[in-house]
Amino acid sequence: MAEEFLNGKSRTNAKEIFSNWHTNVKLVFLNYINERIEKVTDSVYENIRDTLNLHTGYNVEVSYVWYQIGLKTKHEDVIEHVKQFLLCNGRMKYLKPLYFPWYHFQKEEALNFFDKNK
């Protein structure tokens, strides 16, 4: 299914399929997308985001990988979700991999947020 999204397609029941997957399967799907980040165009990103409703409603691990994808592809709509995630999750394994791509995307905003919330 990940390859379908990367090719600009999606199944009509993709959200239902994705929702029924175990977290580990969702992570395999998102890591597959993340490993092929160069194929994630604006339309691919928006299709995945909107079809699977990935900005909200999933656990920490799933959100964490999705937010990395959003930051690496420089989509501003993910920033508020990343901020909320960083405020609620204090484990270093989540923080560094989100701060670094955010820093490369919006240096000043990332630094200000970090200084304010460290």
PDB file of N, CA and C in Angstrom:
ATOM      1  N   MET A   1       0.817  -1.185   0.000  1.00  0.00           N
ATOM      2  CA  MET A   1       0.000   0.000   0.000  1.00  0.00           C
ATOM      3  C   MET A   1       0.871   1.264   0.000  1.00  0.00           C
ATOM      4  N   ALA A   2       2.026   1.201   0.641  1.00  0.00           N
ATOM      5  CA  ALA A   2       2.916   2.360   0.664  1.00  0.00           C
ATOM      6  C   ALA A   2       3.362   2.733  -0.740  1.00  0.00           C
ATOM      7  N   GLU A   3       3.657   1.746  -1.527  1.00  0.00           N
ATOM      8  CA  GLU A   3       4.093   2.006  -2.901  1.00  0.00           C
ATOM      9  C   GLU A   3       2.966   2.645  -3.711  1.00  0.00           C
ATOM     10  N   GLU A   4       1.749   2.254  -3.461  1.00  0.00           N
ATOM     11  CA  GLU A   4       0.604   2.875  -4.134  1.00  0.00           C
ATOM     12  C   GLU A   4       0.535   4.366  -3.811  1.00  0.00           C
ATOM     13  N   PHE A   5       0.696   4.711  -2.535  1.00  0.00           N
ATOM     14  CA  PHE A   5       0.687   6.118  -2.147  1.00  0.00           C
ATOM     15  C   PHE A   5       1.833   6.875  -2.813  1.00  0.00           C
ATOM     16  N   LEU A   6       3.014   6.287  -2.833  1.00  0.00           N
ATOM     17  CA  LEU A   6       4.167   6.946  -3.449  1.00  0.00           C
ATOM     18  C   LEU A   6       3.968   7.154  -4.947  1.00  0.00           C
ATOM     19  N   ASN A   7       3.144   6.320  -5.556  1.00  0.00           N
ATOM     20  CA  ASN A   7       2.840   6.459  -6.975  1.00  0.00           C
ATOM     21  C   ASN A   7       1.614   7.330  -7.228  1.00  0.00           C
ATOM     22  N   GLY A   8       1.139   7.993  -6.175  1.00  0.00           N
ATOM     23  CA  GLY A   8       0.026   8.925  -6.334  1.00  0.00           C
ATOM     24  C   GLY A   8      -1.341   8.295  -6.314  1.00  0.00           C
ATOM     25  N   LYS A   9      -1.437   7.074  -5.845  1.00  0.00           N
ATOM     26  CA  LYS A   9      -2.712   6.381  -5.796  1.00  0.00           C
ATOM     27  C   LYS A   9      -3.015   5.996  -4.352  1.00  0.00           C
ATOM     28  N   SER A  10      -4.264   5.722  -4.097  1.00  0.00           N
ATOM     29  CA  SER A  10      -4.632   5.155  -2.803  1.00  0.00           C
ATOM     30  C   SER A  10      -5.931   4.385  -2.948  1.00  0.00           C
ATOM     31  N   ARG A  11      -6.066   3.373  -2.145  1.00  0.00           N
ATOM     32  CA  ARG A  11      -7.275   2.565  -2.156  1.00  0.00           C
ATOM     33  C   ARG A  11      -8.409   3.338  -1.492  1.00  0.00           C
ATOM     34  N   THR A  12      -9.608   3.076  -1.908  1.00  0.00           N
ATOM     35  CA  THR A  12     -10.750   3.765  -1.301  1.00  0.00           C
ATOM     36  C   THR A  12     -10.917   3.369   0.165  1.00  0.00           C
ATOM     37  N   ASN A  13     -10.478   2.194   0.538  1.00  0.00           N
ATOM     38  CA  ASN A  13     -10.600   1.731   1.914  1.00  0.00           C
ATOM     39  C   ASN A  13      -9.260   1.779   2.662  1.00  0.00           C
ATOM     40  N   ALA A  14      -8.346   2.609   2.219  1.00  0.00           N
ATOM     41  CA  ALA A  14      -7.003   2.666   2.806  1.00  0.00           C
ATOM     42  C   ALA A  14      -7.042   3.013   4.288  1.00  0.00           C
ATOM     43  N   LYS A  15      -7.890   3.956   4.672  1.00  0.00           N
ATOM     44  CA  LYS A  15      -7.959   4.338   6.087  1.00  0.00           C
ATOM     45  C   LYS A  15      -8.422   3.170   6.950  1.00  0.00           C
ATOM     46  N   GLU A  16      -9.402   2.445   6.479  1.00  0.00           N
ATOM     47  CA  GLU A  16      -9.900   1.288   7.223  1.00  0.00           C
ATOM     48  C   GLU A  16      -8.813   0.222   7.349  1.00  0.00           C
ATOM     49  N   ILE A  17      -8.120  -0.048   6.266  1.00  0.00           N
ATOM     50  CA  ILE A  17      -7.038  -1.033   6.287  1.00  0.00           C
ATOM     51  C   ILE A  17      -5.966  -0.599   7.274  1.00  0.00           C
ATOM     52  N   PHE A  18      -5.522   0.667   7.159  1.00  0.00           N
ATOM     53  CA  PHE A  18      -4.468   1.194   8.016  1.00  0.00           C
ATOM     54  C   PHE A  18      -4.892   1.147   9.485  1.00  0.00           C
ATOM     55  N   SER A  19      -6.098   1.541   9.774  1.00  0.00           N
ATOM     56  CA  SER A  19      -6.595   1.562  11.157  1.00  0.00           C
ATOM     57  C   SER A  19      -6.620   0.171  11.786  1.00  0.00           C
ATOM     58  N   ASN A  20      -6.828  -0.836  10.980  1.00  0.00           N
ATOM     59  CA  ASN A  20      -6.895  -2.200  11.492  1.00  0.00           C
ATOM     60  C   ASN A  20      -5.529  -2.867  11.657  1.00  0.00           C
ATOM     61  N   TRP A  21      -4.493  -2.241  11.121  1.00  0.00           N
ATOM     62  CA  TRP A  21      -3.159  -2.807  11.266  1.00  0.00           C
ATOM     63  C   TRP A  21      -2.663  -2.673  12.701  1.00  0.00           C
ATOM     64  N   HIS A  22      -1.833  -3.611  13.101  1.00  0.00           N
ATOM     65  CA  HIS A  22      -1.115  -3.517  14.370  1.00  0.00           C
ATOM     66  C   HIS A  22      -0.105  -2.374  14.254  1.00  0.00           C
ATOM     67  N   THR A  23       0.249  -1.784  15.375  1.00  0.00           N
ATOM     68  CA  THR A  23       1.192  -0.662  15.370  1.00  0.00           C
ATOM     69  C   THR A  23       2.476  -1.002  14.624  1.00  0.00           C
ATOM     70  N   ASN A  24       3.000  -2.195  14.793  1.00  0.00           N
ATOM     71  CA  ASN A  24       4.251  -2.561  14.118  1.00  0.00           C
ATOM     72  C   ASN A  24       4.107  -2.531  12.596  1.00  0.00           C
ATOM     73  N   VAL A  25       2.954  -2.910  12.091  1.00  0.00           N
ATOM     74  CA  VAL A  25       2.724  -2.894  10.646  1.00  0.00           C
ATOM     75  C   VAL A  25       2.617  -1.440  10.164  1.00  0.00           C
ATOM     76  N   LYS A  26       1.954  -0.602  10.946  1.00  0.00           N
ATOM     77  CA  LYS A  26       1.878   0.822  10.610  1.00  0.00           C
ATOM     78  C   LYS A  26       3.277   1.427  10.548  1.00  0.00           C
ATOM     79  N   LEU A  27       4.134   1.019  11.477  1.00  0.00           N
ATOM     80  CA  LEU A  27       5.511   1.531  11.490  1.00  0.00           C
ATOM     81  C   LEU A  27       6.296   1.064  10.275  1.00  0.00           C
ATOM     82  N   VAL A  28       6.093  -0.162   9.867  1.00  0.00           N
ATOM     83  CA  VAL A  28       6.755  -0.657   8.649  1.00  0.00           C
ATOM     84  C   VAL A  28       6.311   0.182   7.456  1.00  0.00           C
ATOM     85  N   PHE A  29       5.022   0.451   7.360  1.00  0.00           N
ATOM     86  CA  PHE A  29       4.470   1.282   6.288  1.00  0.00           C
ATOM     87  C   PHE A  29       5.116   2.667   6.293  1.00  0.00           C
ATOM     88  N   LEU A  30       5.110   3.340   7.446  1.00  0.00           N
ATOM     89  CA  LEU A  30       5.648   4.708   7.524  1.00  0.00           C
ATOM     90  C   LEU A  30       7.161   4.736   7.352  1.00  0.00           C
ATOM     91  N   ASN A  31       7.860   3.752   7.878  1.00  0.00           N
ATOM     92  CA  ASN A  31       9.307   3.701   7.671  1.00  0.00           C
ATOM     93  C   ASN A  31       9.650   3.471   6.204  1.00  0.00           C
ATOM     94  N   TYR A  32       8.840   2.708   5.515  1.00  0.00           N
ATOM     95  CA  TYR A  32       9.019   2.518   4.075  1.00  0.00           C
ATOM     96  C   TYR A  32       8.905   3.861   3.352  1.00  0.00           C
ATOM     97  N   ILE A  33       7.892   4.645   3.721  1.00  0.00           N
ATOM     98  CA  ILE A  33       7.716   5.983   3.142  1.00  0.00           C
ATOM     99  C   ILE A  33       8.908   6.862   3.502  1.00  0.00           C
ATOM    100  N   ASN A  34       9.306   6.830   4.769  1.00  0.00           N
ATOM    101  CA  ASN A  34      10.408   7.667   5.255  1.00  0.00           C
ATOM    102  C   ASN A  34      11.725   7.328   4.553  1.00  0.00           C
ATOM    103  N   GLU A  35      11.952   6.076   4.264  1.00  0.00           N
ATOM    104  CA  GLU A  35      13.173   5.651   3.576  1.00  0.00           C
ATOM    105  C   GLU A  35      13.182   6.061   2.099  1.00  0.00           C
ATOM    106  N   ARG A  36      12.027   6.412   1.585  1.00  0.00           N
ATOM    107  CA  ARG A  36      11.899   6.860   0.196  1.00  0.00           C
ATOM    108  C   ARG A  36      11.404   8.303   0.163  1.00  0.00           C
ATOM    109  N   ILE A  37      11.919   9.102   1.075  1.00  0.00           N
ATOM    110  CA  ILE A  37      11.448  10.469   1.289  1.00  0.00           C
ATOM    111  C   ILE A  37      11.549  11.320   0.022  1.00  0.00           C
ATOM    112  N   GLU A  38      12.481  11.001  -0.839  1.00  0.00           N
ATOM    113  CA  GLU A  38      12.636  11.774  -2.079  1.00  0.00           C
ATOM    114  C   GLU A  38      11.435  11.619  -3.013  1.00  0.00           C
ATOM    115  N   LYS A  39      10.645  10.572  -2.820  1.00  0.00           N
ATOM    116  CA  LYS A  39       9.450  10.348  -3.632  1.00  0.00           C
ATOM    117  C   LYS A  39       8.208  11.036  -3.063  1.00  0.00           C
ATOM    118  N   VAL A  40       8.343  11.613  -1.874  1.00  0.00           N
ATOM    119  CA  VAL A  40       7.188  12.220  -1.201  1.00  0.00           C
ATOM    120  C   VAL A  40       7.030  13.663  -1.681  1.00  0.00           C
ATOM    121  N   THR A  41       6.225  13.829  -2.698  1.00  0.00           N
ATOM    122  CA  THR A  41       5.906  15.157  -3.211  1.00  0.00           C
ATOM    123  C   THR A  41       4.814  15.776  -2.328  1.00  0.00           C
ATOM    124  N   ASP A  42       4.485  17.032  -2.592  1.00  0.00           N
ATOM    125  CA  ASP A  42       3.411  17.672  -1.839  1.00  0.00           C
ATOM    126  C   ASP A  42       2.107  16.903  -1.966  1.00  0.00           C
ATOM    127  N   SER A  43       1.788  16.475  -3.155  1.00  0.00           N
ATOM    128  CA  SER A  43       0.520  15.759  -3.348  1.00  0.00           C
ATOM    129  C   SER A  43       0.540  14.385  -2.682  1.00  0.00           C
ATOM    130  N   VAL A  44       1.673  13.707  -2.695  1.00  0.00           N
ATOM    131  CA  VAL A  44       1.780  12.414  -2.016  1.00  0.00           C
ATOM    132  C   VAL A  44       1.609  12.615  -0.506  1.00  0.00           C
ATOM    133  N   TYR A  45       2.295  13.617   0.030  1.00  0.00           N
ATOM    134  CA  TYR A  45       2.187  13.927   1.455  1.00  0.00           C
ATOM    135  C   TYR A  45       0.737  14.222   1.839  1.00  0.00           C
ATOM    136  N   GLU A  46       0.106  15.083   1.082  1.00  0.00           N
ATOM    137  CA  GLU A  46      -1.281  15.468   1.384  1.00  0.00           C
ATOM    138  C   GLU A  46      -2.228  14.287   1.256  1.00  0.00           C
ATOM    139  N   ASN A  47      -2.012  13.441   0.276  1.00  0.00           N
ATOM    140  CA  ASN A  47      -2.852  12.259   0.096  1.00  0.00           C
ATOM    141  C   ASN A  47      -2.723  11.317   1.296  1.00  0.00           C
ATOM    142  N   ILE A  48      -1.497  11.045   1.719  1.00  0.00           N
ATOM    143  CA  ILE A  48      -1.288  10.170   2.879  1.00  0.00           C
ATOM    144  C   ILE A  48      -1.886  10.807   4.125  1.00  0.00           C
ATOM    145  N   ARG A  49      -1.575  12.073   4.343  1.00  0.00           N
ATOM    146  CA  ARG A  49      -2.064  12.796   5.531  1.00  0.00           C
ATOM    147  C   ARG A  49      -3.590  12.764   5.606  1.00  0.00           C
ATOM    148  N   ASP A  50      -4.230  13.123   4.517  1.00  0.00           N
ATOM    149  CA  ASP A  50      -5.683  13.245   4.517  1.00  0.00           C
ATOM    150  C   ASP A  50      -6.390  11.890   4.501  1.00  0.00           C
ATOM    151  N   THR A  51      -5.879  10.968   3.731  1.00  0.00           N
ATOM    152  CA  THR A  51      -6.511   9.651   3.634  1.00  0.00           C
ATOM    153  C   THR A  51      -6.414   8.890   4.951  1.00  0.00           C
ATOM    154  N   LEU A  52      -5.242   8.938   5.586  1.00  0.00           N
ATOM    155  CA  LEU A  52      -5.031   8.150   6.796  1.00  0.00           C
ATOM    156  C   LEU A  52      -5.201   8.960   8.078  1.00  0.00           C
ATOM    157  N   ASN A  53      -5.469  10.263   7.939  1.00  0.00           N
ATOM    158  CA  ASN A  53      -5.679  11.149   9.095  1.00  0.00           C
ATOM    159  C   ASN A  53      -4.504  11.045  10.078  1.00  0.00           C
ATOM    160  N   LEU A  54      -3.304  11.218   9.577  1.00  0.00           N
ATOM    161  CA  LEU A  54      -2.114  10.955  10.375  1.00  0.00           C
ATOM    162  C   LEU A  54      -1.699  12.077  11.325  1.00  0.00           C
ATOM    163  N   HIS A  55      -2.283  13.235  11.219  1.00  0.00           N
ATOM    164  CA  HIS A  55      -1.908  14.298  12.157  1.00  0.00           C
ATOM    165  C   HIS A  55      -2.457  14.035  13.555  1.00  0.00           C
ATOM    166  N   THR A  56      -3.496  13.262  13.654  1.00  0.00           N
ATOM    167  CA  THR A  56      -4.095  13.007  14.962  1.00  0.00           C
ATOM    168  C   THR A  56      -4.575  11.570  15.054  1.00  0.00           C
ATOM    169  N   GLY A  57      -4.725  11.118  16.270  1.00  0.00           N
ATOM    170  CA  GLY A  57      -5.414   9.864  16.490  1.00  0.00           C
ATOM    171  C   GLY A  57      -4.578   8.605  16.522  1.00  0.00           C
ATOM    172  N   TYR A  58      -3.263   8.711  16.486  1.00  0.00           N
ATOM    173  CA  TYR A  58      -2.447   7.504  16.540  1.00  0.00           C
ATOM    174  C   TYR A  58      -1.485   7.580  17.717  1.00  0.00           C
ATOM    175  N   ASN A  59      -0.896   6.456  18.040  1.00  0.00           N
ATOM    176  CA  ASN A  59      -0.019   6.414  19.208  1.00  0.00           C
ATOM    177  C   ASN A  59       1.312   7.122  18.954  1.00  0.00           C
ATOM    178  N   VAL A  60       2.135   7.169  19.980  1.00  0.00           N
ATOM    179  CA  VAL A  60       3.386   7.923  19.947  1.00  0.00           C
ATOM    180  C   VAL A  60       4.305   7.459  18.819  1.00  0.00           C
ATOM    181  N   GLU A  61       4.485   6.167  18.672  1.00  0.00           N
ATOM    182  CA  GLU A  61       5.423   5.673  17.666  1.00  0.00           C
ATOM    183  C   GLU A  61       4.988   6.035  16.249  1.00  0.00           C
ATOM    184  N   VAL A  62       3.708   5.885  15.970  1.00  0.00           N
ATOM    185  CA  VAL A  62       3.188   6.193  14.640  1.00  0.00           C
ATOM    186  C   VAL A  62       3.292   7.692  14.373  1.00  0.00           C
ATOM    187  N   SER A  63       2.862   8.498  15.333  1.00  0.00           N
ATOM    188  CA  SER A  63       2.942   9.954  15.171  1.00  0.00           C
ATOM    189  C   SER A  63       4.376  10.408  14.986  1.00  0.00           C
ATOM    190  N   TYR A  64       5.270   9.841  15.750  1.00  0.00           N
ATOM    191  CA  TYR A  64       6.690  10.188  15.701  1.00  0.00           C
ATOM    192  C   TYR A  64       7.269  10.025  14.284  1.00  0.00           C
ATOM    193  N   VAL A  65       6.996   8.918  13.650  1.00  0.00           N
ATOM    194  CA  VAL A  65       7.520   8.686  12.296  1.00  0.00           C
ATOM    195  C   VAL A  65       6.813   9.602  11.298  1.00  0.00           C
ATOM    196  N   TRP A  66       5.509   9.770  11.442  1.00  0.00           N
ATOM    197  CA  TRP A  66       4.781  10.654  10.530  1.00  0.00           C
ATOM    198  C   TRP A  66       5.300  12.084  10.624  1.00  0.00           C
ATOM    199  N   TYR A  67       5.550  12.564  11.828  1.00  0.00           N
ATOM    200  CA  TYR A  67       6.040  13.936  11.998  1.00  0.00           C
ATOM    201  C   TYR A  67       7.434  14.103  11.393  1.00  0.00           C
ATOM    202  N   GLN A  68       8.254  13.077  11.470  1.00  0.00           N
ATOM    203  CA  GLN A  68       9.562  13.139  10.803  1.00  0.00           C
ATOM    204  C   GLN A  68       9.379  13.327   9.298  1.00  0.00           C
ATOM    205  N   ILE A  69       8.452  12.605   8.728  1.00  0.00           N
ATOM    206  CA  ILE A  69       8.176  12.724   7.292  1.00  0.00           C
ATOM    207  C   ILE A  69       7.721  14.140   6.968  1.00  0.00           C
ATOM    208  N   GLY A  70       6.819  14.678   7.766  1.00  0.00           N
ATOM    209  CA  GLY A  70       6.331  16.039   7.548  1.00  0.00           C
ATOM    210  C   GLY A  70       7.425  17.076   7.642  1.00  0.00           C
ATOM    211  N   LEU A  71       8.331  16.919   8.608  1.00  0.00           N
ATOM    212  CA  LEU A  71       9.435  17.872   8.767  1.00  0.00           C
ATOM    213  C   LEU A  71      10.464  17.739   7.648  1.00  0.00           C
ATOM    214  N   LYS A  72      10.792  16.521   7.297  1.00  0.00           N
ATOM    215  CA  LYS A  72      11.788  16.306   6.235  1.00  0.00           C
ATOM    216  C   LYS A  72      11.302  16.828   4.885  1.00  0.00           C
ATOM    217  N   THR A  73       9.994  16.791   4.681  1.00  0.00           N
ATOM    218  CA  THR A  73       9.441  17.281   3.419  1.00  0.00           C
ATOM    219  C   THR A  73       9.012  18.743   3.514  1.00  0.00           C
ATOM    220  N   LYS A  74       9.325  19.357   4.679  1.00  0.00           N
ATOM    221  CA  LYS A  74       9.129  20.797   4.905  1.00  0.00           C
ATOM    222  C   LYS A  74       7.676  21.252   4.741  1.00  0.00           C
ATOM    223  N   HIS A  75       6.797  20.566   5.458  1.00  0.00           N
ATOM    224  CA  HIS A  75       5.378  20.928   5.450  1.00  0.00           C
ATOM    225  C   HIS A  75       5.029  21.638   6.753  1.00  0.00           C
ATOM    226  N   GLU A  76       4.656  22.895   6.624  1.00  0.00           N
ATOM    227  CA  GLU A  76       4.388  23.724   7.800  1.00  0.00           C
ATOM    228  C   GLU A  76       3.178  23.258   8.595  1.00  0.00           C
ATOM    229  N   ASP A  77       2.262  22.549   7.968  1.00  0.00           N
ATOM    230  CA  ASP A  77       1.065  22.108   8.684  1.00  0.00           C
ATOM    231  C   ASP A  77       1.370  21.120   9.806  1.00  0.00           C
ATOM    232  N   VAL A  78       2.552  20.556   9.809  1.00  0.00           N
ATOM    233  CA  VAL A  78       2.908  19.572  10.831  1.00  0.00           C
ATOM    234  C   VAL A  78       3.528  20.230  12.074  1.00  0.00           C
ATOM    235  N   ILE A  79       3.939  21.477  11.980  1.00  0.00           N
ATOM    236  CA  ILE A  79       4.687  22.130  13.053  1.00  0.00           C
ATOM    237  C   ILE A  79       3.908  22.161  14.368  1.00  0.00           C
ATOM    238  N   GLU A  80       2.667  22.570  14.354  1.00  0.00           N
ATOM    239  CA  GLU A  80       1.894  22.641  15.607  1.00  0.00           C
ATOM    240  C   GLU A  80       1.729  21.262  16.245  1.00  0.00           C
ATOM    241  N   HIS A  81       1.592  20.238  15.416  1.00  0.00           N
ATOM    242  CA  HIS A  81       1.484  18.875  15.935  1.00  0.00           C
ATOM    243  C   HIS A  81       2.809  18.428  16.540  1.00  0.00           C
ATOM    244  N   VAL A  82       3.905  18.803  15.902  1.00  0.00           N
ATOM    245  CA  VAL A  82       5.235  18.476  16.424  1.00  0.00           C
ATOM    246  C   VAL A  82       5.445  19.165  17.765  1.00  0.00           C
ATOM    247  N   LYS A  83       5.091  20.428  17.858  1.00  0.00           N
ATOM    248  CA  LYS A  83       5.245  21.154  19.124  1.00  0.00           C
ATOM    249  C   LYS A  83       4.482  20.446  20.242  1.00  0.00           C
ATOM    250  N   GLN A  84       3.241  20.102  19.978  1.00  0.00           N
ATOM    251  CA  GLN A  84       2.434  19.421  20.993  1.00  0.00           C
ATOM    252  C   GLN A  84       3.045  18.086  21.368  1.00  0.00           C
ATOM    253  N   PHE A  85       3.538  17.373  20.385  1.00  0.00           N
ATOM    254  CA  PHE A  85       4.188  16.086  20.615  1.00  0.00           C
ATOM    255  C   PHE A  85       5.419  16.261  21.497  1.00  0.00           C
ATOM    256  N   LEU A  86       6.246  17.250  21.184  1.00  0.00           N
ATOM    257  CA  LEU A  86       7.469  17.483  21.953  1.00  0.00           C
ATOM    258  C   LEU A  86       7.173  17.894  23.389  1.00  0.00           C
ATOM    259  N   LEU A  87       6.098  18.613  23.595  1.00  0.00           N
ATOM    260  CA  LEU A  87       5.722  19.018  24.953  1.00  0.00           C
ATOM    261  C   LEU A  87       5.206  17.835  25.785  1.00  0.00           C
ATOM    262  N   CYS A  88       4.644  16.853  25.133  1.00  0.00           N
ATOM    263  CA  CYS A  88       4.030  15.729  25.846  1.00  0.00           C
ATOM    264  C   CYS A  88       4.925  14.497  25.962  1.00  0.00           C
ATOM    265  N   ASN A  89       5.955  14.422  25.170  1.00  0.00           N
ATOM    266  CA  ASN A  89       6.805  13.231  25.142  1.00  0.00           C
ATOM    267  C   ASN A  89       8.248  13.634  25.402  1.00  0.00           C
ATOM    268  N   GLY A  90       8.759  13.249  26.550  1.00  0.00           N
ATOM    269  CA  GLY A  90      10.087  13.692  26.944  1.00  0.00           C
ATOM    270  C   GLY A  90      11.207  12.707  26.706  1.00  0.00           C
ATOM    271  N   ARG A  91      10.942  11.642  26.009  1.00  0.00           N
ATOM    272  CA  ARG A  91      12.007  10.660  25.786  1.00  0.00           C
ATOM    273  C   ARG A  91      12.939  11.107  24.676  1.00  0.00           C
ATOM    274  N   MET A  92      14.225  11.048  24.947  1.00  0.00           N
ATOM    275  CA  MET A  92      15.237  11.521  23.991  1.00  0.00           C
ATOM    276  C   MET A  92      15.131  10.815  22.643  1.00  0.00           C
ATOM    277  N   LYS A  93      14.710   9.556  22.639  1.00  0.00           N
ATOM    278  CA  LYS A  93      14.615   8.840  21.367  1.00  0.00           C
ATOM    279  C   LYS A  93      13.593   9.486  20.433  1.00  0.00           C
ATOM    280  N   TYR A  94      12.662  10.259  20.985  1.00  0.00           N
ATOM    281  CA  TYR A  94      11.689  10.981  20.171  1.00  0.00           C
ATOM    282  C   TYR A  94      12.123  12.420  19.903  1.00  0.00           C
ATOM    283  N   LEU A  95      12.796  13.028  20.845  1.00  0.00           N
ATOM    284  CA  LEU A  95      13.095  14.457  20.744  1.00  0.00           C
ATOM    285  C   LEU A  95      14.127  14.784  19.672  1.00  0.00           C
ATOM    286  N   LYS A  96      15.286  14.167  19.750  1.00  0.00           N
ATOM    287  CA  LYS A  96      16.356  14.509  18.804  1.00  0.00           C
ATOM    288  C   LYS A  96      15.956  14.294  17.347  1.00  0.00           C
ATOM    289  N   PRO A  97      15.344  13.146  17.007  1.00  0.00           N
ATOM    290  CA  PRO A  97      14.983  12.948  15.596  1.00  0.00           C
ATOM    291  C   PRO A  97      13.907  13.897  15.081  1.00  0.00           C
ATOM    292  N   LEU A  98      13.210  14.589  15.973  1.00  0.00           N
ATOM    293  CA  LEU A  98      12.251  15.593  15.517  1.00  0.00           C
ATOM    294  C   LEU A  98      12.863  16.990  15.507  1.00  0.00           C
ATOM    295  N   TYR A  99      13.679  17.282  16.496  1.00  0.00           N
ATOM    296  CA  TYR A  99      14.291  18.610  16.532  1.00  0.00           C
ATOM    297  C   TYR A  99      15.253  18.831  15.367  1.00  0.00           C
ATOM    298  N   PHE A 100      16.042  17.835  14.996  1.00  0.00           N
ATOM    299  CA  PHE A 100      17.034  18.038  13.934  1.00  0.00           C
ATOM    300  C   PHE A 100      16.411  18.383  12.579  1.00  0.00           C
ATOM    301  N   PRO A 101      15.412  17.635  12.093  1.00  0.00           N
ATOM    302  CA  PRO A 101      14.830  18.053  10.806  1.00  0.00           C
ATOM    303  C   PRO A 101      14.059  19.373  10.922  1.00  0.00           C
ATOM    304  N   TRP A 102      13.472  19.620  12.097  1.00  0.00           N
ATOM    305  CA  TRP A 102      12.774  20.898  12.297  1.00  0.00           C
ATOM    306  C   TRP A 102      13.781  22.041  12.263  1.00  0.00           C
ATOM    307  N   TYR A 103      14.938  21.844  12.879  1.00  0.00           N
ATOM    308  CA  TYR A 103      16.005  22.837  12.875  1.00  0.00           C
ATOM    309  C   TYR A 103      16.449  23.147  11.439  1.00  0.00           C
ATOM    310  N   HIS A 104      16.555  22.141  10.611  1.00  0.00           N
ATOM    311  CA  HIS A 104      16.966  22.345   9.210  1.00  0.00           C
ATOM    312  C   HIS A 104      15.865  22.989   8.382  1.00  0.00           C
ATOM    313  N   PHE A 105      14.641  22.900   8.856  1.00  0.00           N
ATOM    314  CA  PHE A 105      13.493  23.464   8.161  1.00  0.00           C
ATOM    315  C   PHE A 105      13.203  24.888   8.633  1.00  0.00           C
ATOM    316  N   GLN A 106      13.146  25.081   9.938  1.00  0.00           N
ATOM    317  CA  GLN A 106      12.835  26.389  10.530  1.00  0.00           C
ATOM    318  C   GLN A 106      13.746  26.616  11.731  1.00  0.00           C
ATOM    319  N   LYS A 107      14.963  26.998  11.468  1.00  0.00           N
ATOM    320  CA  LYS A 107      16.010  27.097  12.483  1.00  0.00           C
ATOM    321  C   LYS A 107      15.591  27.940  13.685  1.00  0.00           C
ATOM    322  N   GLU A 108      15.190  29.169  13.456  1.00  0.00           N
ATOM    323  CA  GLU A 108      14.877  30.087  14.559  1.00  0.00           C
ATOM    324  C   GLU A 108      13.689  29.606  15.386  1.00  0.00           C
ATOM    325  N   GLU A 109      12.643  29.165  14.724  1.00  0.00           N
ATOM    326  CA  GLU A 109      11.467  28.696  15.459  1.00  0.00           C
ATOM    327  C   GLU A 109      11.793  27.476  16.307  1.00  0.00           C
ATOM    328  N   ALA A 110      12.568  26.547  15.756  1.00  0.00           N
ATOM    329  CA  ALA A 110      12.958  25.349  16.509  1.00  0.00           C
ATOM    330  C   ALA A 110      13.812  25.717  17.713  1.00  0.00           C
ATOM    331  N   LEU A 111      14.773  26.616  17.519  1.00  0.00           N
ATOM    332  CA  LEU A 111      15.633  27.040  18.631  1.00  0.00           C
ATOM    333  C   LEU A 111      14.832  27.760  19.714  1.00  0.00           C
ATOM    334  N   ASN A 112      13.945  28.653  19.318  1.00  0.00           N
ATOM    335  CA  ASN A 112      13.118  29.374  20.282  1.00  0.00           C
ATOM    336  C   ASN A 112      12.232  28.421  21.073  1.00  0.00           C
ATOM    337  N   PHE A 113      11.631  27.477  20.387  1.00  0.00           N
ATOM    338  CA  PHE A 113      10.768  26.509  21.057  1.00  0.00           C
ATOM    339  C   PHE A 113      11.573  25.665  22.036  1.00  0.00           C
ATOM    340  N   PHE A 114      12.753  25.240  21.613  1.00  0.00           N
ATOM    341  CA  PHE A 114      13.605  24.440  22.489  1.00  0.00           C
ATOM    342  C   PHE A 114      14.017  25.229  23.730  1.00  0.00           C
ATOM    343  N   ASP A 115      14.479  26.465  23.539  1.00  0.00           N
ATOM    344  CA  ASP A 115      14.897  27.290  24.673  1.00  0.00           C
ATOM    345  C   ASP A 115      13.747  27.540  25.650  1.00  0.00           C
ATOM    346  N   LYS A 116      12.570  27.763  25.118  1.00  0.00           N
ATOM    347  CA  LYS A 116      11.416  28.038  25.952  1.00  0.00           C
ATOM    348  C   LYS A 116      10.957  26.794  26.731  1.00  0.00           C
ATOM    349  N   ASN A 117      11.167  25.612  26.193  1.00  0.00           N
ATOM    350  CA  ASN A 117      10.593  24.400  26.762  1.00  0.00           C
ATOM    351  C   ASN A 117      11.616  23.372  27.250  1.00  0.00           C
ATOM    352  N   LYS A 118      12.858  23.755  27.416  1.00  0.00           N
ATOM    353  CA  LYS A 118      13.839  22.753  27.875  1.00  0.00           C
ATOM    354  C   LYS A 118      13.754  22.485  29.348  1.00  0.00           C
TER     355      LYS A 118
END
